[in-house]
């Protein structure tokens, strides 16, 4: 059986992912979030980094994660 690559996320999927990752960013700054949970969140973002950077919402994501 030939390997079939997973399809790229649709715009709707990317929007959903970006909302999820923005929630992760908020949780990272919350002192009540356990370190293990923070680690798992960042691992997921890292595993999906290509989807994050190719998303139309990437600039908004950067605005939220980079403090001014």
N, C-alpha and C. Protein backbone atom coordinates (compact mmCIF):
# COMPACT_ATOMS: atom_id res chain seq x y z
N UNK A 1 0.85 -1.18 0.00
CA UNK A 1 0.00 0.00 0.00
C UNK A 1 0.89 1.24 0.00
N UNK A 2 0.60 2.16 -0.86
CA UNK A 2 1.39 3.39 -0.99
C UNK A 2 1.05 4.37 0.12
N UNK A 3 2.05 5.13 0.51
CA UNK A 3 1.85 6.17 1.52
C UNK A 3 1.09 7.32 0.89
N UNK A 4 0.03 7.73 1.56
CA UNK A 4 -0.76 8.88 1.10
C UNK A 4 -0.61 9.96 2.16
N UNK A 5 0.00 11.09 1.81
CA UNK A 5 0.18 12.15 2.80
C UNK A 5 -1.16 12.71 3.25
N UNK A 6 -1.19 13.12 4.49
CA UNK A 6 -2.41 13.74 5.02
C UNK A 6 -2.65 15.05 4.29
N UNK A 7 -3.91 15.35 4.02
CA UNK A 7 -4.20 16.61 3.34
C UNK A 7 -3.85 17.80 4.22
N UNK A 8 -3.52 18.90 3.59
CA UNK A 8 -3.26 20.13 4.34
C UNK A 8 -4.55 20.57 5.01
N UNK A 9 -4.43 21.17 6.19
CA UNK A 9 -5.64 21.64 6.85
C UNK A 9 -6.36 22.69 6.01
N UNK A 10 -7.67 22.64 6.05
CA UNK A 10 -8.45 23.65 5.34
C UNK A 10 -8.38 24.95 6.12
N UNK A 11 -8.88 26.01 5.52
CA UNK A 11 -8.87 27.31 6.20
C UNK A 11 -9.66 27.23 7.50
N UNK A 12 -10.79 26.52 7.48
CA UNK A 12 -11.59 26.37 8.70
C UNK A 12 -10.79 25.62 9.75
N UNK A 13 -10.12 24.54 9.33
CA UNK A 13 -9.29 23.79 10.27
C UNK A 13 -8.17 24.66 10.82
N UNK A 14 -7.55 25.47 9.96
CA UNK A 14 -6.47 26.34 10.42
C UNK A 14 -6.99 27.38 11.39
N UNK A 15 -8.18 27.91 11.14
CA UNK A 15 -8.77 28.88 12.06
C UNK A 15 -9.00 28.23 13.41
N UNK A 16 -9.53 27.03 13.41
CA UNK A 16 -9.77 26.30 14.65
C UNK A 16 -8.46 26.03 15.38
N UNK A 17 -7.44 25.60 14.64
CA UNK A 17 -6.13 25.36 15.24
C UNK A 17 -5.55 26.63 15.85
N UNK A 18 -5.64 27.73 15.13
CA UNK A 18 -5.08 28.98 15.64
C UNK A 18 -5.80 29.44 16.90
N UNK A 19 -7.11 29.27 16.95
CA UNK A 19 -7.85 29.62 18.17
C UNK A 19 -7.37 28.76 19.33
N UNK A 20 -7.17 27.48 19.05
CA UNK A 20 -6.69 26.56 20.07
C UNK A 20 -5.31 26.99 20.57
N UNK A 21 -4.42 27.34 19.65
CA UNK A 21 -3.07 27.72 20.04
C UNK A 21 -3.05 29.06 20.76
N UNK A 22 -3.95 29.95 20.43
CA UNK A 22 -4.05 31.21 21.18
C UNK A 22 -4.51 30.93 22.61
N UNK A 23 -5.38 29.95 22.78
CA UNK A 23 -5.79 29.54 24.13
C UNK A 23 -4.60 28.94 24.88
N UNK A 24 -3.76 28.20 24.16
CA UNK A 24 -2.55 27.65 24.77
C UNK A 24 -1.66 28.77 25.29
N UNK A 25 -1.51 29.83 24.50
CA UNK A 25 -0.67 30.95 24.91
C UNK A 25 -1.21 31.57 26.20
N UNK A 26 -2.51 31.73 26.28
CA UNK A 26 -3.12 32.27 27.50
C UNK A 26 -2.86 31.35 28.68
N UNK A 27 -2.95 30.04 28.45
CA UNK A 27 -2.71 29.08 29.53
C UNK A 27 -1.25 29.09 29.98
N UNK A 28 -0.34 29.37 29.06
CA UNK A 28 1.08 29.40 29.42
C UNK A 28 1.41 30.50 30.41
N UNK A 29 0.67 31.58 30.36
CA UNK A 29 0.93 32.69 31.27
C UNK A 29 0.12 32.58 32.56
N UNK A 30 -0.74 31.58 32.63
CA UNK A 30 -1.57 31.36 33.81
C UNK A 30 -0.78 30.56 34.84
N UNK A 31 -0.58 31.12 36.01
CA UNK A 31 0.21 30.43 37.04
C UNK A 31 -0.48 29.18 37.56
N UNK A 32 -1.78 29.03 37.31
CA UNK A 32 -2.51 27.85 37.77
C UNK A 32 -2.39 26.67 36.82
N UNK A 33 -1.82 26.88 35.65
CA UNK A 33 -1.65 25.79 34.68
C UNK A 33 -0.42 24.98 35.07
N UNK A 34 -0.60 23.67 35.27
CA UNK A 34 0.55 22.83 35.65
C UNK A 34 1.63 22.81 34.56
N UNK A 35 2.87 22.68 34.99
CA UNK A 35 3.99 22.66 34.04
C UNK A 35 3.86 21.54 33.02
N UNK A 36 3.39 20.38 33.44
CA UNK A 36 3.23 19.25 32.52
C UNK A 36 2.24 19.59 31.41
N UNK A 37 1.17 20.29 31.76
CA UNK A 37 0.18 20.72 30.77
C UNK A 37 0.80 21.72 29.81
N UNK A 38 1.57 22.65 30.34
CA UNK A 38 2.25 23.64 29.49
C UNK A 38 3.19 22.95 28.50
N UNK A 39 3.92 21.96 28.99
CA UNK A 39 4.84 21.23 28.13
C UNK A 39 4.09 20.54 27.00
N UNK A 40 3.00 19.88 27.31
CA UNK A 40 2.21 19.18 26.29
C UNK A 40 1.65 20.15 25.26
N UNK A 41 1.22 21.31 25.71
CA UNK A 41 0.69 22.32 24.78
C UNK A 41 1.78 22.78 23.82
N UNK A 42 2.95 23.07 24.36
CA UNK A 42 4.03 23.55 23.50
C UNK A 42 4.54 22.46 22.56
N UNK A 43 4.49 21.21 22.99
CA UNK A 43 4.87 20.11 22.10
C UNK A 43 3.91 20.03 20.92
N UNK A 44 2.63 20.22 21.19
CA UNK A 44 1.64 20.18 20.11
C UNK A 44 1.86 21.33 19.13
N UNK A 45 2.13 22.52 19.65
CA UNK A 45 2.40 23.66 18.77
C UNK A 45 3.65 23.37 17.94
N UNK A 46 4.67 22.83 18.57
CA UNK A 46 5.91 22.51 17.86
C UNK A 46 5.68 21.49 16.75
N UNK A 47 4.88 20.47 17.03
CA UNK A 47 4.59 19.44 16.03
C UNK A 47 3.79 19.99 14.85
N UNK A 48 3.05 21.05 15.08
CA UNK A 48 2.21 21.63 14.04
C UNK A 48 2.71 23.00 13.59
N UNK A 49 3.99 23.26 13.80
CA UNK A 49 4.53 24.59 13.53
C UNK A 49 4.35 25.02 12.08
N UNK A 50 4.49 24.09 11.15
CA UNK A 50 4.31 24.44 9.74
C UNK A 50 2.88 24.92 9.48
N UNK A 51 1.91 24.28 10.09
CA UNK A 51 0.52 24.72 9.94
C UNK A 51 0.31 26.10 10.56
N UNK A 52 0.98 26.33 11.68
CA UNK A 52 0.85 27.63 12.34
C UNK A 52 1.41 28.74 11.45
N UNK A 53 2.61 28.53 10.93
CA UNK A 53 3.26 29.59 10.15
C UNK A 53 2.61 29.80 8.78
N UNK A 54 1.91 28.81 8.27
CA UNK A 54 1.26 28.97 6.97
C UNK A 54 -0.18 29.45 7.09
N UNK A 55 -0.65 29.62 8.30
CA UNK A 55 -2.03 30.04 8.52
C UNK A 55 -2.22 31.52 8.20
N UNK A 56 -3.39 31.88 7.65
CA UNK A 56 -3.69 33.30 7.42
C UNK A 56 -3.75 34.09 8.74
N UNK A 57 -3.94 33.41 9.85
CA UNK A 57 -4.02 34.07 11.16
C UNK A 57 -2.67 34.15 11.87
N UNK A 58 -1.60 33.80 11.17
CA UNK A 58 -0.27 33.76 11.79
C UNK A 58 0.14 35.12 12.35
N UNK A 59 -0.11 36.19 11.64
CA UNK A 59 0.29 37.52 12.14
C UNK A 59 -0.46 37.86 13.42
N UNK A 60 -1.72 37.50 13.50
CA UNK A 60 -2.50 37.73 14.72
C UNK A 60 -1.93 36.89 15.86
N UNK A 61 -1.57 35.66 15.55
CA UNK A 61 -0.97 34.77 16.54
C UNK A 61 0.31 35.40 17.10
N UNK A 62 1.16 35.92 16.22
CA UNK A 62 2.40 36.55 16.66
C UNK A 62 2.14 37.75 17.54
N UNK A 63 1.14 38.53 17.20
CA UNK A 63 0.81 39.71 18.01
C UNK A 63 0.45 39.32 19.43
N UNK A 64 -0.16 38.15 19.60
CA UNK A 64 -0.56 37.71 20.93
C UNK A 64 0.57 37.05 21.72
N UNK A 65 1.50 36.42 21.01
CA UNK A 65 2.53 35.69 21.76
C UNK A 65 3.78 36.50 22.03
N UNK A 66 3.98 37.59 21.31
CA UNK A 66 5.17 38.41 21.51
C UNK A 66 4.78 39.65 22.32
N UNK A 67 5.29 39.74 23.54
CA UNK A 67 4.96 40.91 24.36
C UNK A 67 5.56 42.18 23.78
N UNK A 68 4.89 43.26 24.03
CA UNK A 68 5.38 44.56 23.55
C UNK A 68 6.13 45.27 24.63
